[in-house]
Amino acid sequence: TLFQVTHITPSPVIIIQEESLIYLLQPGKHRLHVDTGLE
């Protein structure tokens, strides 16, 4: 479904369950901020 998201919504979609998160990075450059204290 994450691979289909760009054809459905312009909003990024994340999936969370228990201790895991996934997010599909599209081709290009990404800057991920991992300093929330929740990582």
PDB file of all heavy atoms in Angstrom:
ATOM      1  N   THR A   1       0.830  -1.209   0.000  1.00  0.00           N
ATOM      2  CA  THR A   1       0.000   0.000   0.000  1.00  0.00           C
ATOM      3  C   THR A   1       0.863   1.257   0.000  1.00  0.00           C
ATOM      4  O   THR A   1       0.528   2.237  -0.675  1.00  0.00           O
ATOM      5  CB  THR A   1      -0.955  -0.007   1.212  1.00  0.00           C
ATOM      6  OG1 THR A   1      -1.900  -1.065   1.055  1.00  0.00           O
ATOM      7  CG2 THR A   1      -1.695   1.313   1.342  1.00  0.00           C
ATOM      8  N   LEU A   2       1.977   1.235   0.715  1.00  0.00           N
ATOM      9  CA  LEU A   2       2.847   2.413   0.732  1.00  0.00           C
ATOM     10  C   LEU A   2       3.379   2.732  -0.659  1.00  0.00           C
ATOM     11  O   LEU A   2       3.644   3.893  -0.982  1.00  0.00           O
ATOM     12  CB  LEU A   2       4.006   2.204   1.712  1.00  0.00           C
ATOM     13  CG  LEU A   2       3.646   2.131   3.196  1.00  0.00           C
ATOM     14  CD1 LEU A   2       4.907   2.061   4.045  1.00  0.00           C
ATOM     15  CD2 LEU A   2       2.779   3.309   3.622  1.00  0.00           C
ATOM     16  N   PHE A   3       3.540   1.699  -1.493  1.00  0.00           N
ATOM     17  CA  PHE A   3       4.002   1.930  -2.861  1.00  0.00           C
ATOM     18  C   PHE A   3       2.907   2.561  -3.725  1.00  0.00           C
ATOM     19  O   PHE A   3       3.195   3.120  -4.779  1.00  0.00           O
ATOM     20  CB  PHE A   3       4.470   0.618  -3.492  1.00  0.00           C
ATOM     21  CG  PHE A   3       5.883   0.249  -3.143  1.00  0.00           C
ATOM     22  CD1 PHE A   3       6.172  -0.344  -1.919  1.00  0.00           C
ATOM     23  CD2 PHE A   3       6.921   0.505  -4.018  1.00  0.00           C
ATOM     24  CE1 PHE A   3       7.478  -0.679  -1.581  1.00  0.00           C
ATOM     25  CE2 PHE A   3       8.223   0.176  -3.697  1.00  0.00           C
ATOM     26  CZ  PHE A   3       8.510  -0.417  -2.467  1.00  0.00           C
ATOM     27  N   GLN A   4       1.665   2.456  -3.291  1.00  0.00           N
ATOM     28  CA  GLN A   4       0.561   3.032  -4.038  1.00  0.00           C
ATOM     29  C   GLN A   4       0.179   4.433  -3.561  1.00  0.00           C
ATOM     30  O   GLN A   4      -0.623   5.121  -4.205  1.00  0.00           O
ATOM     31  CB  GLN A   4      -0.668   2.120  -3.927  1.00  0.00           C
ATOM     32  CG  GLN A   4      -0.433   0.705  -4.433  1.00  0.00           C
ATOM     33  CD  GLN A   4      -1.622  -0.193  -4.163  1.00  0.00           C
ATOM     34  OE1 GLN A   4      -2.732   0.088  -4.588  1.00  0.00           O
ATOM     35  NE2 GLN A   4      -1.396  -1.275  -3.434  1.00  0.00           N
ATOM     36  N   VAL A   5       0.738   4.847  -2.433  1.00  0.00           N
ATOM     37  CA  VAL A   5       0.310   6.072  -1.766  1.00  0.00           C
ATOM     38  C   VAL A   5       0.426   7.302  -2.659  1.00  0.00           C
ATOM     39  O   VAL A   5      -0.450   8.185  -2.635  1.00  0.00           O
ATOM     40  CB  VAL A   5       1.111   6.262  -0.454  1.00  0.00           C
ATOM     41  CG1 VAL A   5       1.111   7.717  -0.003  1.00  0.00           C
ATOM     42  CG2 VAL A   5       0.514   5.394   0.650  1.00  0.00           C
ATOM     43  N   THR A   6       1.500   7.385  -3.452  1.00  0.00           N
ATOM     44  CA  THR A   6       1.690   8.600  -4.256  1.00  0.00           C
ATOM     45  C   THR A   6       0.577   8.788  -5.280  1.00  0.00           C
ATOM     46  O   THR A   6       0.378   9.905  -5.771  1.00  0.00           O
ATOM     47  CB  THR A   6       3.042   8.572  -4.987  1.00  0.00           C
ATOM     48  OG1 THR A   6       3.136   7.386  -5.774  1.00  0.00           O
ATOM     49  CG2 THR A   6       4.191   8.616  -3.986  1.00  0.00           C
ATOM     50  N   HIS A   7      -0.142   7.723  -5.597  1.00  0.00           N
ATOM     51  CA  HIS A   7      -1.260   7.818  -6.531  1.00  0.00           C
ATOM     52  C   HIS A   7      -2.585   8.083  -5.806  1.00  0.00           C
ATOM     53  O   HIS A   7      -3.627   8.215  -6.456  1.00  0.00           O
ATOM     54  CB  HIS A   7      -1.383   6.536  -7.353  1.00  0.00           C
ATOM     55  CG  HIS A   7      -0.134   6.183  -8.101  1.00  0.00           C
ATOM     56  ND1 HIS A   7       0.350   6.953  -9.134  1.00  0.00           N
ATOM     57  CD2 HIS A   7       0.740   5.164  -7.944  1.00  0.00           C
ATOM     58  CE1 HIS A   7       1.459   6.413  -9.598  1.00  0.00           C
ATOM     59  NE2 HIS A   7       1.724   5.334  -8.896  1.00  0.00           N
ATOM     60  N   ILE A   8      -2.540   8.126  -4.465  1.00  0.00           N
ATOM     61  CA  ILE A   8      -3.757   8.283  -3.666  1.00  0.00           C
ATOM     62  C   ILE A   8      -3.811   9.636  -2.974  1.00  0.00           C
ATOM     63  O   ILE A   8      -4.839  10.316  -2.976  1.00  0.00           O
ATOM     64  CB  ILE A   8      -3.860   7.151  -2.611  1.00  0.00           C
ATOM     65  CG1 ILE A   8      -3.926   5.785  -3.294  1.00  0.00           C
ATOM     66  CG2 ILE A   8      -5.073   7.363  -1.708  1.00  0.00           C
ATOM     67  CD1 ILE A   8      -3.850   4.621  -2.314  1.00  0.00           C
ATOM     68  N   THR A   9      -2.703  10.030  -2.354  1.00  0.00           N
ATOM     69  CA  THR A   9      -2.693  11.238  -1.528  1.00  0.00           C
ATOM     70  C   THR A   9      -1.341  11.927  -1.628  1.00  0.00           C
ATOM     71  O   THR A   9      -0.304  11.248  -1.749  1.00  0.00           O
ATOM     72  CB  THR A   9      -2.991  10.897  -0.055  1.00  0.00           C
ATOM     73  OG1 THR A   9      -2.858  12.088   0.750  1.00  0.00           O
ATOM     74  CG2 THR A   9      -2.054   9.834   0.480  1.00  0.00           C
ATOM     75  N   PRO A  10      -1.307  13.257  -1.563  1.00  0.00           N
ATOM     76  CA  PRO A  10      -0.020  13.959  -1.517  1.00  0.00           C
ATOM     77  C   PRO A  10       0.629  13.921  -0.139  1.00  0.00           C
ATOM     78  O   PRO A  10       1.797  14.287   0.004  1.00  0.00           O
ATOM     79  CB  PRO A  10      -0.400  15.397  -1.897  1.00  0.00           C
ATOM     80  CG  PRO A  10      -1.823  15.537  -1.444  1.00  0.00           C
ATOM     81  CD  PRO A  10      -2.453  14.189  -1.664  1.00  0.00           C
ATOM     82  N   SER A  11      -0.117  13.470   0.873  1.00  0.00           N
ATOM     83  CA  SER A  11       0.403  13.443   2.245  1.00  0.00           C
ATOM     84  C   SER A  11       1.283  12.216   2.470  1.00  0.00           C
ATOM     85  O   SER A  11       0.946  11.119   2.011  1.00  0.00           O
ATOM     86  CB  SER A  11      -0.751  13.421   3.250  1.00  0.00           C
ATOM     87  OG  SER A  11      -1.614  14.518   3.071  1.00  0.00           O
ATOM     88  N   PRO A  12       2.400  12.369   3.172  1.00  0.00           N
ATOM     89  CA  PRO A  12       3.188  11.193   3.538  1.00  0.00           C
ATOM     90  C   PRO A  12       2.390  10.289   4.472  1.00  0.00           C
ATOM     91  O   PRO A  12       1.602  10.766   5.294  1.00  0.00           O
ATOM     92  CB  PRO A  12       4.415  11.786   4.238  1.00  0.00           C
ATOM     93  CG  PRO A  12       4.028  13.158   4.635  1.00  0.00           C
ATOM     94  CD  PRO A  12       2.988  13.623   3.672  1.00  0.00           C
ATOM     95  N   VAL A  13       2.592   8.987   4.335  1.00  0.00           N
ATOM     96  CA  VAL A  13       1.886   8.001   5.151  1.00  0.00           C
ATOM     97  C   VAL A  13       2.911   7.183   5.916  1.00  0.00           C
ATOM     98  O   VAL A  13       3.834   6.610   5.315  1.00  0.00           O
ATOM     99  CB  VAL A  13       1.011   7.076   4.286  1.00  0.00           C
ATOM    100  CG1 VAL A  13       0.347   6.003   5.157  1.00  0.00           C
ATOM    101  CG2 VAL A  13      -0.048   7.879   3.532  1.00  0.00           C
ATOM    102  N   ILE A  14       2.773   7.137   7.230  1.00  0.00           N
ATOM    103  CA  ILE A  14       3.615   6.270   8.047  1.00  0.00           C
ATOM    104  C   ILE A  14       2.745   5.185   8.666  1.00  0.00           C
ATOM    105  O   ILE A  14       1.534   5.358   8.836  1.00  0.00           O
ATOM    106  CB  ILE A  14       4.360   7.046   9.157  1.00  0.00           C
ATOM    107  CG1 ILE A  14       3.375   7.652  10.168  1.00  0.00           C
ATOM    108  CG2 ILE A  14       5.256   8.122   8.561  1.00  0.00           C
ATOM    109  CD1 ILE A  14       4.060   8.234  11.405  1.00  0.00           C
ATOM    110  N   ILE A  15       3.370   4.060   8.961  1.00  0.00           N
ATOM    111  CA  ILE A  15       2.698   2.972   9.650  1.00  0.00           C
ATOM    112  C   ILE A  15       3.449   2.710  10.951  1.00  0.00           C
ATOM    113  O   ILE A  15       4.680   2.571  10.953  1.00  0.00           O
ATOM    114  CB  ILE A  15       2.659   1.688   8.802  1.00  0.00           C
ATOM    115  CG1 ILE A  15       1.964   1.952   7.461  1.00  0.00           C
ATOM    116  CG2 ILE A  15       1.945   0.567   9.564  1.00  0.00           C
ATOM    117  CD1 ILE A  15       1.944   0.729   6.538  1.00  0.00           C
ATOM    118  N   ILE A  16       2.709   2.651  12.045  1.00  0.00           N
ATOM    119  CA  ILE A  16       3.272   2.431  13.373  1.00  0.00           C
ATOM    120  C   ILE A  16       2.599   1.231  14.010  1.00  0.00           C
ATOM    121  O   ILE A  16       1.371   1.088  13.941  1.00  0.00           O
ATOM    122  CB  ILE A  16       3.052   3.663  14.279  1.00  0.00           C
ATOM    123  CG1 ILE A  16       3.868   4.857  13.787  1.00  0.00           C
ATOM    124  CG2 ILE A  16       3.392   3.354  15.731  1.00  0.00           C
ATOM    125  CD1 ILE A  16       3.562   6.147  14.542  1.00  0.00           C
ATOM    126  N   GLN A  17       3.384   0.365  14.606  1.00  0.00           N
ATOM    127  CA  GLN A  17       2.834  -0.661  15.482  1.00  0.00           C
ATOM    128  C   GLN A  17       3.889  -1.067  16.500  1.00  0.00           C
ATOM    129  O   GLN A  17       5.027  -1.381  16.144  1.00  0.00           O
ATOM    130  CB  GLN A  17       2.360  -1.888  14.710  1.00  0.00           C
ATOM    131  CG  GLN A  17       1.636  -2.878  15.624  1.00  0.00           C
ATOM    132  CD  GLN A  17       0.759  -3.861  14.875  1.00  0.00           C
ATOM    133  OE1 GLN A  17       0.795  -3.954  13.653  1.00  0.00           O
ATOM    134  NE2 GLN A  17      -0.042  -4.605  15.619  1.00  0.00           N
ATOM    135  N   GLU A  18       3.483  -1.022  17.766  1.00  0.00           N
ATOM    136  CA  GLU A  18       4.364  -1.363  18.873  1.00  0.00           C
ATOM    137  C   GLU A  18       5.660  -0.570  18.777  1.00  0.00           C
ATOM    138  O   GLU A  18       5.644   0.649  18.832  1.00  0.00           O
ATOM    139  CB  GLU A  18       4.576  -2.882  18.915  1.00  0.00           C
ATOM    140  CG  GLU A  18       3.273  -3.638  19.159  1.00  0.00           C
ATOM    141  CD  GLU A  18       3.438  -5.138  19.091  1.00  0.00           C
ATOM    142  OE1 GLU A  18       4.527  -5.611  18.720  1.00  0.00           O
ATOM    143  OE2 GLU A  18       2.463  -5.848  19.396  1.00  0.00           O
ATOM    144  N   GLU A  19       6.813  -1.239  18.596  1.00  0.00           N
ATOM    145  CA  GLU A  19       8.080  -0.509  18.609  1.00  0.00           C
ATOM    146  C   GLU A  19       8.589  -0.164  17.213  1.00  0.00           C
ATOM    147  O   GLU A  19       9.713   0.320  17.065  1.00  0.00           O
ATOM    148  CB  GLU A  19       9.153  -1.333  19.324  1.00  0.00           C
ATOM    149  CG  GLU A  19       9.542  -2.618  18.608  1.00  0.00           C
ATOM    150  CD  GLU A  19      10.745  -3.298  19.244  1.00  0.00           C
ATOM    151  OE1 GLU A  19      11.314  -2.731  20.192  1.00  0.00           O
ATOM    152  OE2 GLU A  19      11.103  -4.395  18.782  1.00  0.00           O
ATOM    153  N   SER A  20       7.785  -0.379  16.173  1.00  0.00           N
ATOM    154  CA  SER A  20       8.266  -0.198  14.808  1.00  0.00           C
ATOM    155  C   SER A  20       7.497   0.875  14.049  1.00  0.00           C
ATOM    156  O   SER A  20       6.291   1.036  14.217  1.00  0.00           O
ATOM    157  CB  SER A  20       8.160  -1.513  14.024  1.00  0.00           C
ATOM    158  OG  SER A  20       8.990  -2.504  14.586  1.00  0.00           O
ATOM    159  N   LEU A  21       8.224   1.570  13.172  1.00  0.00           N
ATOM    160  CA  LEU A  21       7.655   2.520  12.222  1.00  0.00           C
ATOM    161  C   LEU A  21       8.241   2.219  10.849  1.00  0.00           C
ATOM    162  O   LEU A  21       9.430   1.902  10.727  1.00  0.00           O
ATOM    163  CB  LEU A  21       7.985   3.954  12.619  1.00  0.00           C
ATOM    164  CG  LEU A  21       7.536   5.085  11.678  1.00  0.00           C
ATOM    165  CD1 LEU A  21       7.234   6.350  12.478  1.00  0.00           C
ATOM    166  CD2 LEU A  21       8.582   5.408  10.608  1.00  0.00           C
ATOM    167  N   ILE A  22       7.393   2.323   9.797  1.00  0.00           N
ATOM    168  CA  ILE A  22       7.900   2.246   8.433  1.00  0.00           C
ATOM    169  C   ILE A  22       7.375   3.419   7.628  1.00  0.00           C
ATOM    170  O   ILE A  22       6.276   3.927   7.872  1.00  0.00           O
ATOM    171  CB  ILE A  22       7.562   0.906   7.735  1.00  0.00           C
ATOM    172  CG1 ILE A  22       6.058   0.724   7.534  1.00  0.00           C
ATOM    173  CG2 ILE A  22       8.165  -0.272   8.484  1.00  0.00           C
ATOM    174  CD1 ILE A  22       5.694  -0.484   6.674  1.00  0.00           C
ATOM    175  N   TYR A  23       8.191   3.835   6.662  1.00  0.00           N
ATOM    176  CA  TYR A  23       7.866   4.974   5.801  1.00  0.00           C
ATOM    177  C   TYR A  23       8.625   4.787   4.496  1.00  0.00           C
ATOM    178  O   TYR A  23       9.830   4.483   4.518  1.00  0.00           O
ATOM    179  CB  TYR A  23       8.279   6.280   6.497  1.00  0.00           C
ATOM    180  CG  TYR A  23       8.233   7.511   5.640  1.00  0.00           C
ATOM    181  CD1 TYR A  23       7.055   7.910   5.021  1.00  0.00           C
ATOM    182  CD2 TYR A  23       9.376   8.300   5.462  1.00  0.00           C
ATOM    183  CE1 TYR A  23       7.017   9.065   4.231  1.00  0.00           C
ATOM    184  CE2 TYR A  23       9.337   9.451   4.690  1.00  0.00           C
ATOM    185  CZ  TYR A  23       8.151   9.827   4.076  1.00  0.00           C
ATOM    186  OH  TYR A  23       8.119  10.958   3.308  1.00  0.00           O
ATOM    187  N   LEU A  24       7.950   4.935   3.378  1.00  0.00           N
ATOM    188  CA  LEU A  24       8.584   4.704   2.087  1.00  0.00           C
ATOM    189  C   LEU A  24       9.207   5.994   1.563  1.00  0.00           C
ATOM    190  O   LEU A  24       8.507   6.977   1.306  1.00  0.00           O
ATOM    191  CB  LEU A  24       7.571   4.154   1.081  1.00  0.00           C
ATOM    192  CG  LEU A  24       8.176   3.711  -0.257  1.00  0.00           C
ATOM    193  CD1 LEU A  24       9.109   2.514  -0.057  1.00  0.00           C
ATOM    194  CD2 LEU A  24       7.071   3.366  -1.252  1.00  0.00           C
ATOM    195  N   LEU A  25      10.528   5.968   1.389  1.00  0.00           N
ATOM    196  CA  LEU A  25      11.243   7.097   0.809  1.00  0.00           C
ATOM    197  C   LEU A  25      11.150   7.011  -0.712  1.00  0.00           C
ATOM    198  O   LEU A  25      11.504   5.999  -1.308  1.00  0.00           O
ATOM    199  CB  LEU A  25      12.717   7.057   1.223  1.00  0.00           C
ATOM    200  CG  LEU A  25      13.018   7.045   2.727  1.00  0.00           C
ATOM    201  CD1 LEU A  25      14.518   6.879   2.955  1.00  0.00           C
ATOM    202  CD2 LEU A  25      12.506   8.303   3.398  1.00  0.00           C
ATOM    203  N   GLN A  26      10.674   8.078  -1.337  1.00  0.00           N
ATOM    204  CA  GLN A  26      10.609   8.127  -2.789  1.00  0.00           C
ATOM    205  C   GLN A  26      11.991   8.486  -3.351  1.00  0.00           C
ATOM    206  O   GLN A  26      12.857   8.998  -2.640  1.00  0.00           O
ATOM    207  CB  GLN A  26       9.564   9.148  -3.231  1.00  0.00           C
ATOM    208  CG  GLN A  26       8.148   8.813  -2.794  1.00  0.00           C
ATOM    209  CD  GLN A  26       7.656   7.484  -3.355  1.00  0.00           C
ATOM    210  OE1 GLN A  26       7.980   7.112  -4.496  1.00  0.00           O
ATOM    211  NE2 GLN A  26       6.876   6.764  -2.568  1.00  0.00           N
ATOM    212  N   PRO A  27      12.234   8.224  -4.631  1.00  0.00           N
ATOM    213  CA  PRO A  27      13.532   8.585  -5.210  1.00  0.00           C
ATOM    214  C   PRO A  27      13.852  10.064  -4.987  1.00  0.00           C
ATOM    215  O   PRO A  27      12.983  10.927  -5.133  1.00  0.00           O
ATOM    216  CB  PRO A  27      13.339   8.275  -6.700  1.00  0.00           C
ATOM    217  CG  PRO A  27      12.294   7.201  -6.721  1.00  0.00           C
ATOM    218  CD  PRO A  27      11.363   7.540  -5.593  1.00  0.00           C
ATOM    219  N   GLY A  28      15.099  10.331  -4.601  1.00  0.00           N
ATOM    220  CA  GLY A  28      15.511  11.699  -4.332  1.00  0.00           C
ATOM    221  C   GLY A  28      16.286  11.800  -3.035  1.00  0.00           C
ATOM    222  O   GLY A  28      16.803  10.798  -2.515  1.00  0.00           O
ATOM    223  N   LYS A  29      16.342  13.029  -2.495  1.00  0.00           N
ATOM    224  CA  LYS A  29      17.099  13.305  -1.276  1.00  0.00           C
ATOM    225  C   LYS A  29      16.147  13.538  -0.105  1.00  0.00           C
ATOM    226  O   LYS A  29      15.153  14.246  -0.245  1.00  0.00           O
ATOM    227  CB  LYS A  29      17.978  14.544  -1.473  1.00  0.00           C
ATOM    228  CG  LYS A  29      19.033  14.388  -2.563  1.00  0.00           C
ATOM    229  CD  LYS A  29      19.859  15.653  -2.703  1.00  0.00           C
ATOM    230  CE  LYS A  29      20.927  15.503  -3.782  1.00  0.00           C
ATOM    231  NZ  LYS A  29      21.743  16.734  -3.932  1.00  0.00           N
ATOM    232  N   HIS A  30      16.482  12.969   1.021  1.00  0.00           N
ATOM    233  CA  HIS A  30      15.635  13.060   2.217  1.00  0.00           C
ATOM    234  C   HIS A  30      16.490  13.442   3.425  1.00  0.00           C
ATOM    235  O   HIS A  30      17.612  12.968   3.578  1.00  0.00           O
ATOM    236  CB  HIS A  30      14.942  11.721   2.492  1.00  0.00           C
ATOM    237  CG  HIS A  30      14.098  11.246   1.349  1.00  0.00           C
ATOM    238  ND1 HIS A  30      12.754  11.510   1.262  1.00  0.00           N
ATOM    239  CD2 HIS A  30      14.425  10.534   0.234  1.00  0.00           C
ATOM    240  CE1 HIS A  30      12.280  10.980   0.148  1.00  0.00           C
ATOM    241  NE2 HIS A  30      13.267  10.383  -0.485  1.00  0.00           N
ATOM    242  N   ARG A  31      15.905  14.289   4.275  1.00  0.00           N
ATOM    243  CA  ARG A  31      16.526  14.641   5.552  1.00  0.00           C
ATOM    244  C   ARG A  31      15.560  14.222   6.658  1.00  0.00           C
ATOM    245  O   ARG A  31      14.486  14.818   6.811  1.00  0.00           O
ATOM    246  CB  ARG A  31      16.821  16.143   5.616  1.00  0.00           C
ATOM    247  CG  ARG A  31      17.370  16.620   6.966  1.00  0.00           C
ATOM    248  CD  ARG A  31      17.724  18.093   6.916  1.00  0.00           C
ATOM    249  NE  ARG A  31      18.848  18.313   6.021  1.00  0.00           N
ATOM    250  CZ  ARG A  31      20.127  18.312   6.415  1.00  0.00           C
ATOM    251  NH1 ARG A  31      20.436  18.125   7.689  1.00  0.00           N
ATOM    252  NH2 ARG A  31      21.083  18.535   5.541  1.00  0.00           N
ATOM    253  N   LEU A  32      15.923  13.204   7.400  1.00  0.00           N
ATOM    254  CA  LEU A  32      15.077  12.656   8.459  1.00  0.00           C
ATOM    255  C   LEU A  32      15.592  13.159   9.805  1.00  0.00           C
ATOM    256  O   LEU A  32      16.747  12.907  10.169  1.00  0.00           O
ATOM    257  CB  LEU A  32      15.102  11.128   8.424  1.00  0.00           C
ATOM    258  CG  LEU A  32      14.684  10.474   7.101  1.00  0.00           C
ATOM    259  CD1 LEU A  32      14.857   8.965   7.179  1.00  0.00           C
ATOM    260  CD2 LEU A  32      13.241  10.824   6.764  1.00  0.00           C
ATOM    261  N   HIS A  33      14.724  13.854  10.522  1.00  0.00           N
ATOM    262  CA  HIS A  33      15.092  14.336  11.855  1.00  0.00           C
ATOM    263  C   HIS A  33      14.781  13.235  12.875  1.00  0.00           C
ATOM    264  O   HIS A  33      13.639  12.804  13.015  1.00  0.00           O
ATOM    265  CB  HIS A  33      14.330  15.620  12.172  1.00  0.00           C
ATOM    266  CG  HIS A  33      14.723  16.765  11.292  1.00  0.00           C
ATOM    267  ND1 HIS A  33      15.795  17.582  11.558  1.00  0.00           N
ATOM    268  CD2 HIS A  33      14.198  17.204  10.114  1.00  0.00           C
ATOM    269  CE1 HIS A  33      15.920  18.487  10.602  1.00  0.00           C
ATOM    270  NE2 HIS A  33      14.961  18.276   9.712  1.00  0.00           N
ATOM    271  N   VAL A  34      15.819  12.797  13.550  1.00  0.00           N
ATOM    272  CA  VAL A  34      15.692  11.674  14.494  1.00  0.00           C
ATOM    273  C   VAL A  34      16.177  12.103  15.871  1.00  0.00           C
ATOM    274  O   VAL A  34      16.927  11.393  16.555  1.00  0.00           O
ATOM    275  CB  VAL A  34      16.463  10.436  13.980  1.00  0.00           C
ATOM    276  CG1 VAL A  34      15.802   9.868  12.743  1.00  0.00           C
ATOM    277  CG2 VAL A  34      17.931  10.794  13.653  1.00  0.00           C
ATOM    278  N   ASP A  35      15.702  13.291  16.274  1.00  0.00           N
ATOM    279  CA  ASP A  35      16.146  13.881  17.538  1.00  0.00           C
ATOM    280  C   ASP A  35      14.974  14.229  18.442  1.00  0.00           C
ATOM    281  O   ASP A  35      15.050  15.149  19.252  1.00  0.00           O
ATOM    282  CB  ASP A  35      16.982  15.128  17.269  1.00  0.00           C
ATOM    283  CG  ASP A  35      16.253  16.157  16.394  1.00  0.00           C
ATOM    284  OD1 ASP A  35      15.125  15.857  15.940  1.00  0.00           O
ATOM    285  OD2 ASP A  35      16.804  17.252  16.166  1.00  0.00           O
ATOM    286  N   THR A  36      13.866  13.493  18.327  1.00  0.00           N
ATOM    287  CA  THR A  36      12.692  13.793  19.151  1.00  0.00           C
ATOM    288  C   THR A  36      12.824  13.246  20.564  1.00  0.00           C
ATOM    289  O   THR A  36      12.062  13.630  21.451  1.00  0.00           O
ATOM    290  CB  THR A  36      11.423  13.188  18.531  1.00  0.00           C
ATOM    291  OG1 THR A  36      11.524  11.754  18.553  1.00  0.00           O
ATOM    292  CG2 THR A  36      11.225  13.663  17.091  1.00  0.00           C
ATOM    293  N   GLY A  37      13.747  12.319  20.777  1.00  0.00           N
ATOM    294  CA  GLY A  37      13.855  11.642  22.064  1.00  0.00           C
ATOM    295  C   GLY A  37      13.014  10.387  22.142  1.00  0.00           C
ATOM    296  O   GLY A  37      13.066   9.656  23.140  1.00  0.00           O
ATOM    297  N   LEU A  38      12.237  10.139  21.101  1.00  0.00           N
ATOM    298  CA  LEU A  38      11.372   8.956  21.068  1.00  0.00           C
ATOM    299  C   LEU A  38      11.981   7.818  20.247  1.00  0.00           C
ATOM    300  O   LEU A  38      11.406   6.723  20.182  1.00  0.00           O
ATOM    301  CB  LEU A  38      10.000   9.321  20.485  1.00  0.00           C
ATOM    302  CG  LEU A  38       9.224  10.404  21.228  1.00  0.00           C
ATOM    303  CD1 LEU A  38       7.944  10.748  20.468  1.00  0.00           C
ATOM    304  CD2 LEU A  38       8.892   9.951  22.644  1.00  0.00           C
ATOM    305  N   GLU A  39      13.118   8.082  19.627  1.00  0.00           N
ATOM    306  CA  GLU A  39      13.739   7.073  18.780  1.00  0.00           C
ATOM    307  C   GLU A  39      14.337   5.943  19.617  1.00  0.00           C
ATOM    308  O   GLU A  39      14.939   6.181  20.676  1.00  0.00           O
ATOM    309  CB  GLU A  39      14.851   7.696  17.927  1.00  0.00           C
ATOM    310  CG  GLU A  39      14.358   8.667  16.867  1.00  0.00           C
ATOM    311  CD  GLU A  39      14.002  10.034  17.417  1.00  0.00           C
ATOM    312  OE1 GLU A  39      14.372  10.317  18.574  1.00  0.00           O
ATOM    313  OE2 GLU A  39      13.342  10.819  16.698  1.00  0.00           O
TER     314      GLU A  39
END
